[in-house]
Amino acid sequence: MTIVDDVRKVEVEKLVGRASTISAEEFKPVWADVVERFLREHEKSLGNNCVRQVGGYLYNGFRGVDPEGNLTGSGPYIGVAIATLLPEINLIKGRQLLELYLQKQRKNPFGNVLIDFGVLINGEKVNPVQARILLEEMKKRSLEIGEGVVPDFCQLRLCADENAGLVYKLADEVTKDNLTSVSVYPFQYVGKEGLFRAYLNRGGDWYADDEYLAISGDDGRVVKYDAEGITPKKLKRDLVSILKDGFLEI
């Protein structure tokens, strides 16, 4: 497991903790269950074709397991789905990742991997339906920031929409004070007309210009963050899932 010590928040107070990638052994069986429940909840409203597409994004966004046992592959759909369906996993925030990057002399603190951490909202021409839904909600809640904002995965919730498939909405507790402006990050490229995944690449460059929201490729990672004094909740499996797996093993 990749460990980075002495994590600090960009805000004034110091917050020591641990950032790590996600263990496949711990995560995969739980993920299978929560995605299944999400798909069953929406299968009537979405229809089979859309359910197939949505299921593909959520199951296939992960591409495999690295030698250390961590999942490879990531992307906004995956990150926001984790925040929505498994809120006990405390995903890393962009500002925390930026602080780690600065502590490592402007290098990727996790080495030769790509880290997705949020979504840039800046216009409507790319992914127009998804962008419009999120922008309209921001306007209603007076959360717009001039040049665009980058909500962290943990600030977004994944929803199913019959016209757009998967869409993002802001969590209820999000305010203008805890949204991050595009200008905070040292982006090399910034998309201006749509909804883009925001990420730190292997070489230590920041990007938010990719219209393909579903996946980030084999070298992508979703990163979780555990603050000091917070004991991560153990992922629990419900009885129905345990019974289902027991049957499948017969």
C-alpha atoms as a PDB file:
ATOM      1  CA  MET A   1       0.000   0.000   0.000  1.00  0.00           C
ATOM      2  CA  THR A   2       1.301   3.422  -0.874  1.00  0.00           C
ATOM      3  CA  ILE A   3       1.676   5.558   2.246  1.00  0.00           C
ATOM      4  CA  VAL A   4       2.389   9.274   2.365  1.00  0.00           C
ATOM      5  CA  ASP A   5       2.925  10.666   5.852  1.00  0.00           C
ATOM      6  CA  ASP A   6       2.483  14.161   7.259  1.00  0.00           C
ATOM      7  CA  VAL A   7      -0.433  15.165   5.089  1.00  0.00           C
ATOM      8  CA  ARG A   8      -1.540  18.765   5.555  1.00  0.00           C
ATOM      9  CA  LYS A   9      -4.670  20.587   4.561  1.00  0.00           C
ATOM     10  CA  VAL A  10      -4.196  23.735   2.503  1.00  0.00           C
ATOM     11  CA  GLU A  11      -6.266  25.626   5.085  1.00  0.00           C
ATOM     12  CA  VAL A  12      -4.579  27.118   8.154  1.00  0.00           C
ATOM     13  CA  GLU A  13      -4.720  24.125  10.516  1.00  0.00           C
ATOM     14  CA  LYS A  14      -2.361  21.189  10.219  1.00  0.00           C
ATOM     15  CA  LEU A  15      -3.926  17.792   9.707  1.00  0.00           C
ATOM     16  CA  VAL A  16      -1.630  14.785   9.932  1.00  0.00           C
ATOM     17  CA  GLY A  17      -2.894  11.629   8.331  1.00  0.00           C
ATOM     18  CA  ARG A  18      -2.419   8.935   5.730  1.00  0.00           C
ATOM     19  CA  ALA A  19      -3.206   8.825   2.042  1.00  0.00           C
ATOM     20  CA  SER A  20      -3.384   5.493   0.240  1.00  0.00           C
ATOM     21  CA  THR A  21      -4.695   3.749  -2.818  1.00  0.00           C
ATOM     22  CA  ILE A  22      -7.572   1.254  -2.541  1.00  0.00           C
ATOM     23  CA  SER A  23      -6.994  -2.404  -1.688  1.00  0.00           C
ATOM     24  CA  ALA A  24      -8.656  -4.734  -4.187  1.00  0.00           C
ATOM     25  CA  GLU A  25      -9.172  -7.560  -1.686  1.00  0.00           C
ATOM     26  CA  GLU A  26     -11.071  -5.295   0.721  1.00  0.00           C
ATOM     27  CA  PHE A  27     -12.948  -3.326  -1.880  1.00  0.00           C
ATOM     28  CA  LYS A  28     -14.064  -5.564  -4.750  1.00  0.00           C
ATOM     29  CA  PRO A  29     -16.761  -7.714  -3.068  1.00  0.00           C
ATOM     30  CA  VAL A  30     -18.321  -4.686  -1.387  1.00  0.00           C
ATOM     31  CA  TRP A  31     -18.232  -2.712  -4.642  1.00  0.00           C
ATOM     32  CA  ALA A  32     -20.003  -5.531  -6.490  1.00  0.00           C
ATOM     33  CA  ASP A  33     -22.863  -5.364  -3.999  1.00  0.00           C
ATOM     34  CA  VAL A  34     -23.370  -1.599  -3.878  1.00  0.00           C
ATOM     35  CA  VAL A  35     -23.250  -1.224  -7.662  1.00  0.00           C
ATOM     36  CA  GLU A  36     -25.780  -4.037  -8.016  1.00  0.00           C
ATOM     37  CA  ARG A  37     -28.151  -2.251  -5.647  1.00  0.00           C
ATOM     38  CA  PHE A  38     -27.685   1.038  -7.517  1.00  0.00           C
ATOM     39  CA  LEU A  39     -28.472  -0.622 -10.864  1.00  0.00           C
ATOM     40  CA  ARG A  40     -31.521  -2.443  -9.523  1.00  0.00           C
ATOM     41  CA  GLU A  41     -32.842   0.764  -8.016  1.00  0.00           C
ATOM     42  CA  HIS A  42     -32.711   2.494 -11.408  1.00  0.00           C
ATOM     43  CA  GLU A  43     -33.230  -0.322 -13.920  1.00  0.00           C
ATOM     44  CA  LYS A  44     -36.915   0.458 -14.586  1.00  0.00           C
ATOM     45  CA  SER A  45     -36.398   4.178 -15.173  1.00  0.00           C
ATOM     46  CA  LEU A  46     -33.241   3.771 -17.280  1.00  0.00           C
ATOM     47  CA  GLY A  47     -34.062   0.743 -19.406  1.00  0.00           C
ATOM     48  CA  ASN A  48     -31.761  -2.147 -20.300  1.00  0.00           C
ATOM     49  CA  ASN A  49     -29.474  -0.318 -22.726  1.00  0.00           C
ATOM     50  CA  CYS A  50     -28.715   2.480 -20.278  1.00  0.00           C
ATOM     51  CA  VAL A  51     -28.304   0.053 -17.376  1.00  0.00           C
ATOM     52  CA  ARG A  52     -25.790  -1.893 -19.460  1.00  0.00           C
ATOM     53  CA  GLN A  53     -23.826   1.298 -20.174  1.00  0.00           C
ATOM     54  CA  VAL A  54     -23.948   2.530 -16.579  1.00  0.00           C
ATOM     55  CA  GLY A  55     -22.971  -0.887 -15.240  1.00  0.00           C
ATOM     56  CA  GLY A  56     -20.048  -0.973 -17.656  1.00  0.00           C
ATOM     57  CA  TYR A  57     -18.762   2.364 -16.384  1.00  0.00           C
ATOM     58  CA  LEU A  58     -19.031   1.361 -12.737  1.00  0.00           C
ATOM     59  CA  TYR A  59     -17.734  -2.209 -12.985  1.00  0.00           C
ATOM     60  CA  ASN A  60     -15.153  -1.760 -15.729  1.00  0.00           C
ATOM     61  CA  GLY A  61     -13.676   1.559 -14.606  1.00  0.00           C
ATOM     62  CA  PHE A  62     -11.263  -0.523 -12.574  1.00  0.00           C
ATOM     63  CA  ARG A  63      -8.781  -2.294 -14.844  1.00  0.00           C
ATOM     64  CA  GLY A  64      -6.996  -4.769 -12.615  1.00  0.00           C
ATOM     65  CA  VAL A  65      -4.749  -5.152  -9.590  1.00  0.00           C
ATOM     66  CA  ASP A  66      -1.135  -4.012  -9.265  1.00  0.00           C
ATOM     67  CA  PRO A  67       1.630  -6.081  -7.574  1.00  0.00           C
ATOM     68  CA  GLU A  68       0.895  -4.385  -4.237  1.00  0.00           C
ATOM     69  CA  GLY A  69      -2.760  -5.481  -4.361  1.00  0.00           C
ATOM     70  CA  ASN A  70      -4.223  -2.054  -5.174  1.00  0.00           C
ATOM     71  CA  LEU A  71      -6.889  -1.479  -7.811  1.00  0.00           C
ATOM     72  CA  THR A  72      -5.771   0.116 -11.055  1.00  0.00           C
ATOM     73  CA  GLY A  73      -7.968   2.362 -13.195  1.00  0.00           C
ATOM     74  CA  SER A  74     -10.197   5.165 -11.956  1.00  0.00           C
ATOM     75  CA  GLY A  75     -12.205   8.146 -13.216  1.00  0.00           C
ATOM     76  CA  PRO A  76     -14.945  10.543 -12.123  1.00  0.00           C
ATOM     77  CA  TYR A  77     -17.794   8.024 -12.373  1.00  0.00           C
ATOM     78  CA  ILE A  78     -15.855   5.711 -10.081  1.00  0.00           C
ATOM     79  CA  GLY A  79     -14.830   8.446  -7.642  1.00  0.00           C
ATOM     80  CA  VAL A  80     -18.285  10.004  -7.360  1.00  0.00           C
ATOM     81  CA  ALA A  81     -19.905   6.567  -7.097  1.00  0.00           C
ATOM     82  CA  ILE A  82     -17.631   5.719  -4.156  1.00  0.00           C
ATOM     83  CA  ALA A  83     -18.588   9.012  -2.480  1.00  0.00           C
ATOM     84  CA  THR A  84     -22.278   8.240  -3.097  1.00  0.00           C
ATOM     85  CA  LEU A  85     -22.478   4.509  -2.383  1.00  0.00           C
ATOM     86  CA  LEU A  86     -19.620   4.004   0.105  1.00  0.00           C
ATOM     87  CA  PRO A  87     -19.346   7.291   2.042  1.00  0.00           C
ATOM     88  CA  GLU A  88     -17.314   5.519   4.750  1.00  0.00           C
ATOM     89  CA  ILE A  89     -14.338   5.696   2.380  1.00  0.00           C
ATOM     90  CA  ASN A  90     -12.891   9.157   2.933  1.00  0.00           C
ATOM     91  CA  LEU A  91     -11.616  10.135  -0.529  1.00  0.00           C
ATOM     92  CA  ILE A  92      -8.692  12.520  -0.861  1.00  0.00           C
ATOM     93  CA  LYS A  93      -9.531  16.135  -1.678  1.00  0.00           C
ATOM     94  CA  GLY A  94      -7.812  18.123  -4.376  1.00  0.00           C
ATOM     95  CA  ARG A  95      -6.322  20.578  -1.900  1.00  0.00           C
ATOM     96  CA  GLN A  96      -4.889  17.750   0.180  1.00  0.00           C
ATOM     97  CA  LEU A  97      -3.384  16.269  -2.966  1.00  0.00           C
ATOM     98  CA  LEU A  98      -1.949  19.658  -3.889  1.00  0.00           C
ATOM     99  CA  GLU A  99      -0.287  19.964  -0.487  1.00  0.00           C
ATOM    100  CA  LEU A 100       1.236  16.498  -0.848  1.00  0.00           C
ATOM    101  CA  TYR A 101       2.479  17.489  -4.295  1.00  0.00           C
ATOM    102  CA  LEU A 102       4.153  20.622  -2.911  1.00  0.00           C
ATOM    103  CA  GLN A 103       5.736  18.688  -0.033  1.00  0.00           C
ATOM    104  CA  LYS A 104       7.234  16.334  -2.611  1.00  0.00           C
ATOM    105  CA  GLN A 105       8.892  19.257  -4.464  1.00  0.00           C
ATOM    106  CA  ARG A 106       6.179  19.431  -7.141  1.00  0.00           C
ATOM    107  CA  LYS A 107       6.147  15.729  -7.867  1.00  0.00           C
ATOM    108  CA  ASN A 108       3.376  13.188  -7.829  1.00  0.00           C
ATOM    109  CA  PRO A 109       3.445  11.883  -4.229  1.00  0.00           C
ATOM    110  CA  PHE A 110       2.242   8.445  -5.336  1.00  0.00           C
ATOM    111  CA  GLY A 111       4.934   7.897  -7.934  1.00  0.00           C
ATOM    112  CA  ASN A 112       4.266   6.689 -11.455  1.00  0.00           C
ATOM    113  CA  VAL A 113       0.446   6.732 -11.345  1.00  0.00           C
ATOM    114  CA  LEU A 114      -2.335   9.056 -12.411  1.00  0.00           C
ATOM    115  CA  ILE A 115      -4.697  10.362  -9.709  1.00  0.00           C
ATOM    116  CA  ASP A 116      -8.250  11.511 -10.458  1.00  0.00           C
ATOM    117  CA  PHE A 117      -9.582  13.750  -7.699  1.00  0.00           C
ATOM    118  CA  GLY A 118     -12.461  15.861  -8.972  1.00  0.00           C
ATOM    119  CA  VAL A 119     -14.531  17.344 -11.779  1.00  0.00           C
ATOM    120  CA  LEU A 120     -14.078  20.728 -13.433  1.00  0.00           C
ATOM    121  CA  ILE A 121     -17.314  22.581 -14.277  1.00  0.00           C
ATOM    122  CA  ASN A 122     -16.718  25.293 -16.825  1.00  0.00           C
ATOM    123  CA  GLY A 123     -19.332  25.638 -19.571  1.00  0.00           C
ATOM    124  CA  GLU A 124     -21.829  23.397 -21.397  1.00  0.00           C
ATOM    125  CA  LYS A 125     -20.523  22.460 -24.866  1.00  0.00           C
ATOM    126  CA  VAL A 126     -18.768  19.210 -23.906  1.00  0.00           C
ATOM    127  CA  ASN A 127     -20.973  16.633 -22.135  1.00  0.00           C
ATOM    128  CA  PRO A 128     -23.770  19.219 -22.472  1.00  0.00           C
ATOM    129  CA  VAL A 129     -26.587  17.411 -20.655  1.00  0.00           C
ATOM    130  CA  GLN A 130     -24.406  16.431 -17.698  1.00  0.00           C
ATOM    131  CA  ALA A 131     -22.836  19.886 -17.501  1.00  0.00           C
ATOM    132  CA  ARG A 132     -26.176  21.668 -17.730  1.00  0.00           C
ATOM    133  CA  ILE A 133     -27.716  19.617 -14.902  1.00  0.00           C
ATOM    134  CA  LEU A 134     -24.815  20.388 -12.572  1.00  0.00           C
ATOM    135  CA  LEU A 135     -24.548  24.045 -13.592  1.00  0.00           C
ATOM    136  CA  GLU A 136     -28.269  24.629 -13.131  1.00  0.00           C
ATOM    137  CA  GLU A 137     -28.077  23.250  -9.615  1.00  0.00           C
ATOM    138  CA  MET A 138     -25.091  25.481  -8.830  1.00  0.00           C
ATOM    139  CA  LYS A 139     -26.934  28.549 -10.099  1.00  0.00           C
ATOM    140  CA  LYS A 140     -29.996  27.749  -7.995  1.00  0.00           C
ATOM    141  CA  ARG A 141     -27.770  27.498  -4.933  1.00  0.00           C
ATOM    142  CA  SER A 142     -25.668  30.577  -5.883  1.00  0.00           C
ATOM    143  CA  LEU A 143     -22.464  28.515  -5.965  1.00  0.00           C
ATOM    144  CA  GLU A 144     -20.956  29.723  -9.228  1.00  0.00           C
ATOM    145  CA  ILE A 145     -17.354  30.942  -9.223  1.00  0.00           C
ATOM    146  CA  GLY A 146     -16.366  33.037 -12.237  1.00  0.00           C
ATOM    147  CA  GLU A 147     -13.727  30.947 -13.997  1.00  0.00           C
ATOM    148  CA  GLY A 148     -15.112  27.595 -12.906  1.00  0.00           C
ATOM    149  CA  VAL A 149     -14.818  25.293  -9.903  1.00  0.00           C
ATOM    150  CA  VAL A 150     -13.385  21.850  -9.192  1.00  0.00           C
ATOM    151  CA  PRO A 151     -15.600  19.935  -6.753  1.00  0.00           C
ATOM    152  CA  ASP A 152     -13.895  16.987  -5.097  1.00  0.00           C
ATOM    153  CA  PHE A 153     -15.450  13.577  -5.601  1.00  0.00           C
ATOM    154  CA  CYS A 154     -16.632  13.632  -1.995  1.00  0.00           C
ATOM    155  CA  GLN A 155     -18.646  16.801  -2.744  1.00  0.00           C
ATOM    156  CA  LEU A 156     -20.603  15.152  -5.562  1.00  0.00           C
ATOM    157  CA  ARG A 157     -23.348  12.537  -5.681  1.00  0.00           C
ATOM    158  CA  LEU A 158     -23.964  10.165  -8.573  1.00  0.00           C
ATOM    159  CA  CYS A 159     -27.505  10.078  -9.963  1.00  0.00           C
ATOM    160  CA  ALA A 160     -29.167   8.205 -12.821  1.00  0.00           C
ATOM    161  CA  ASP A 161     -30.875  10.278 -15.517  1.00  0.00           C
ATOM    162  CA  GLU A 162     -32.951   8.816 -18.361  1.00  0.00           C
ATOM    163  CA  ASN A 163     -31.515  11.344 -20.838  1.00  0.00           C
ATOM    164  CA  ALA A 164     -27.873  11.447 -19.744  1.00  0.00           C
ATOM    165  CA  GLY A 165     -27.268   8.104 -18.048  1.00  0.00           C
ATOM    166  CA  LEU A 166     -25.027   9.046 -15.126  1.00  0.00           C
ATOM    167  CA  VAL A 167     -24.998  12.630 -13.864  1.00  0.00           C
ATOM    168  CA  TYR A 168     -23.491  14.457 -10.904  1.00  0.00           C
ATOM    169  CA  LYS A 169     -25.233  16.605  -8.322  1.00  0.00           C
ATOM    170  CA  LEU A 170     -23.678  18.517  -5.445  1.00  0.00           C
ATOM    171  CA  ALA A 171     -23.973  17.117  -1.936  1.00  0.00           C
ATOM    172  CA  ASP A 172     -26.364  19.033   0.309  1.00  0.00           C
ATOM    173  CA  GLU A 173     -23.629  20.313   2.632  1.00  0.00           C
ATOM    174  CA  VAL A 174     -21.534  21.969  -0.119  1.00  0.00           C
ATOM    175  CA  THR A 175     -21.198  25.753   0.110  1.00  0.00           C
ATOM    176  CA  LYS A 176     -19.246  28.360  -1.819  1.00  0.00           C
ATOM    177  CA  ASP A 177     -16.690  28.421   1.017  1.00  0.00           C
ATOM    178  CA  ASN A 178     -15.674  24.792   0.493  1.00  0.00           C
ATOM    179  CA  LEU A 179     -15.721  24.725  -3.312  1.00  0.00           C
ATOM    180  CA  THR A 180     -12.318  25.194  -4.935  1.00  0.00           C
ATOM    181  CA  SER A 181     -11.729  27.645  -7.764  1.00  0.00           C
ATOM    182  CA  VAL A 182      -9.808  26.524 -10.849  1.00  0.00           C
ATOM    183  CA  SER A 183      -7.139  29.137 -10.044  1.00  0.00           C
ATOM    184  CA  VAL A 184      -6.038  27.269  -6.896  1.00  0.00           C
ATOM    185  CA  TYR A 185      -4.520  24.441  -8.918  1.00  0.00           C
ATOM    186  CA  PRO A 186      -1.439  24.652 -11.175  1.00  0.00           C
ATOM    187  CA  PHE A 187      -3.274  23.214 -14.183  1.00  0.00           C
ATOM    188  CA  GLN A 188      -1.289  22.824 -17.387  1.00  0.00           C
ATOM    189  CA  TYR A 189      -4.463  22.545 -19.452  1.00  0.00           C
ATOM    190  CA  VAL A 190      -7.974  23.586 -18.459  1.00  0.00           C
ATOM    191  CA  GLY A 191     -11.124  22.792 -20.409  1.00  0.00           C
ATOM    192  CA  LYS A 192     -13.280  25.868 -20.958  1.00  0.00           C
ATOM    193  CA  GLU A 193     -16.521  24.526 -22.348  1.00  0.00           C
ATOM    194  CA  GLY A 194     -17.913  21.607 -20.424  1.00  0.00           C
ATOM    195  CA  LEU A 195     -17.489  18.995 -17.745  1.00  0.00           C
ATOM    196  CA  PHE A 196     -13.965  17.573 -17.413  1.00  0.00           C
ATOM    197  CA  ARG A 197     -12.181  15.191 -15.092  1.00  0.00           C
ATOM    198  CA  ALA A 198      -9.441  16.835 -13.011  1.00  0.00           C
ATOM    199  CA  TYR A 199      -6.307  14.846 -12.309  1.00  0.00           C
ATOM    200  CA  LEU A 200      -2.605  14.843 -11.473  1.00  0.00           C
ATOM    201  CA  ASN A 201      -0.658  12.794 -14.012  1.00  0.00           C
ATOM    202  CA  ARG A 202       2.352  10.542 -13.578  1.00  0.00           C
ATOM    203  CA  GLY A 203       4.836  13.283 -14.417  1.00  0.00           C
ATOM    204  CA  GLY A 204       3.411  15.700 -11.850  1.00  0.00           C
ATOM    205  CA  ASP A 205       1.338  17.840 -14.261  1.00  0.00           C
ATOM    206  CA  TRP A 206      -2.231  18.917 -13.498  1.00  0.00           C
ATOM    207  CA  TYR A 207      -4.907  18.564 -16.171  1.00  0.00           C
ATOM    208  CA  ALA A 208      -8.634  19.226 -16.506  1.00  0.00           C
ATOM    209  CA  ASP A 209      -9.260  18.997 -20.222  1.00  0.00           C
ATOM    210  CA  ASP A 210     -10.442  15.462 -20.956  1.00  0.00           C
ATOM    211  CA  GLU A 211     -14.031  15.040 -22.135  1.00  0.00           C
ATOM    212  CA  TYR A 212     -13.976  11.286 -21.490  1.00  0.00           C
ATOM    213  CA  LEU A 213     -15.366  11.143 -17.975  1.00  0.00           C
ATOM    214  CA  ALA A 214     -15.770   7.405 -17.618  1.00  0.00           C
ATOM    215  CA  ILE A 215     -12.227   6.125 -17.182  1.00  0.00           C
ATOM    216  CA  SER A 216      -8.655   7.302 -16.838  1.00  0.00           C
ATOM    217  CA  GLY A 217      -6.853   4.190 -18.041  1.00  0.00           C
ATOM    218  CA  ASP A 218      -4.791   1.443 -16.480  1.00  0.00           C
ATOM    219  CA  ASP A 219      -2.496   3.826 -14.621  1.00  0.00           C
ATOM    220  CA  GLY A 220      -5.290   5.753 -12.869  1.00  0.00           C
ATOM    221  CA  ARG A 221      -5.995   5.653  -9.152  1.00  0.00           C
ATOM    222  CA  VAL A 222      -8.681   6.666  -6.717  1.00  0.00           C
ATOM    223  CA  VAL A 223      -6.976   7.776  -3.504  1.00  0.00           C
ATOM    224  CA  LYS A 224      -8.429   7.702  -0.009  1.00  0.00           C
ATOM    225  CA  TYR A 225      -7.349   9.844   2.925  1.00  0.00           C
ATOM    226  CA  ASP A 226      -7.556   8.974   6.609  1.00  0.00           C
ATOM    227  CA  ALA A 227      -7.091  11.867   9.022  1.00  0.00           C
ATOM    228  CA  GLU A 228      -5.334  11.341  12.336  1.00  0.00           C
ATOM    229  CA  GLY A 229      -7.801  10.480  15.058  1.00  0.00           C
ATOM    230  CA  ILE A 230     -10.359   9.121  12.581  1.00  0.00           C
ATOM    231  CA  THR A 231     -10.639   5.348  12.554  1.00  0.00           C
ATOM    232  CA  PRO A 232     -11.806   4.218   9.114  1.00  0.00           C
ATOM    233  CA  LYS A 233     -15.007   2.191   9.296  1.00  0.00           C
ATOM    234  CA  LYS A 234     -14.573  -1.407   8.229  1.00  0.00           C
ATOM    235  CA  LEU A 235     -16.539  -2.114   5.097  1.00  0.00           C
ATOM    236  CA  LYS A 236     -19.467  -4.273   6.179  1.00  0.00           C
ATOM    237  CA  ARG A 237     -21.341  -6.682   3.964  1.00  0.00           C
ATOM    238  CA  ASP A 238     -25.078  -7.119   4.404  1.00  0.00           C
ATOM    239  CA  LEU A 239     -26.692 -10.496   5.021  1.00  0.00           C
ATOM    240  CA  VAL A 240     -28.322 -10.693   1.577  1.00  0.00           C
ATOM    241  CA  SER A 241     -24.947 -10.302  -0.149  1.00  0.00           C
ATOM    242  CA  ILE A 242     -23.351 -12.938   2.075  1.00  0.00           C
ATOM    243  CA  LEU A 243     -26.157 -15.399   1.304  1.00  0.00           C
ATOM    244  CA  LYS A 244     -25.910 -14.646  -2.429  1.00  0.00           C
ATOM    245  CA  ASP A 245     -22.161 -15.290  -2.478  1.00  0.00           C
ATOM    246  CA  GLY A 246     -22.585 -18.468  -0.490  1.00  0.00           C
ATOM    247  CA  PHE A 247     -25.002 -19.782  -3.076  1.00  0.00           C
ATOM    248  CA  LEU A 248     -22.709 -18.862  -5.966  1.00  0.00           C
ATOM    249  CA  GLU A 249     -19.884 -20.845  -4.376  1.00  0.00           C
ATOM    250  CA  ILE A 250     -21.874 -24.102  -4.361  1.00  0.00           C
END
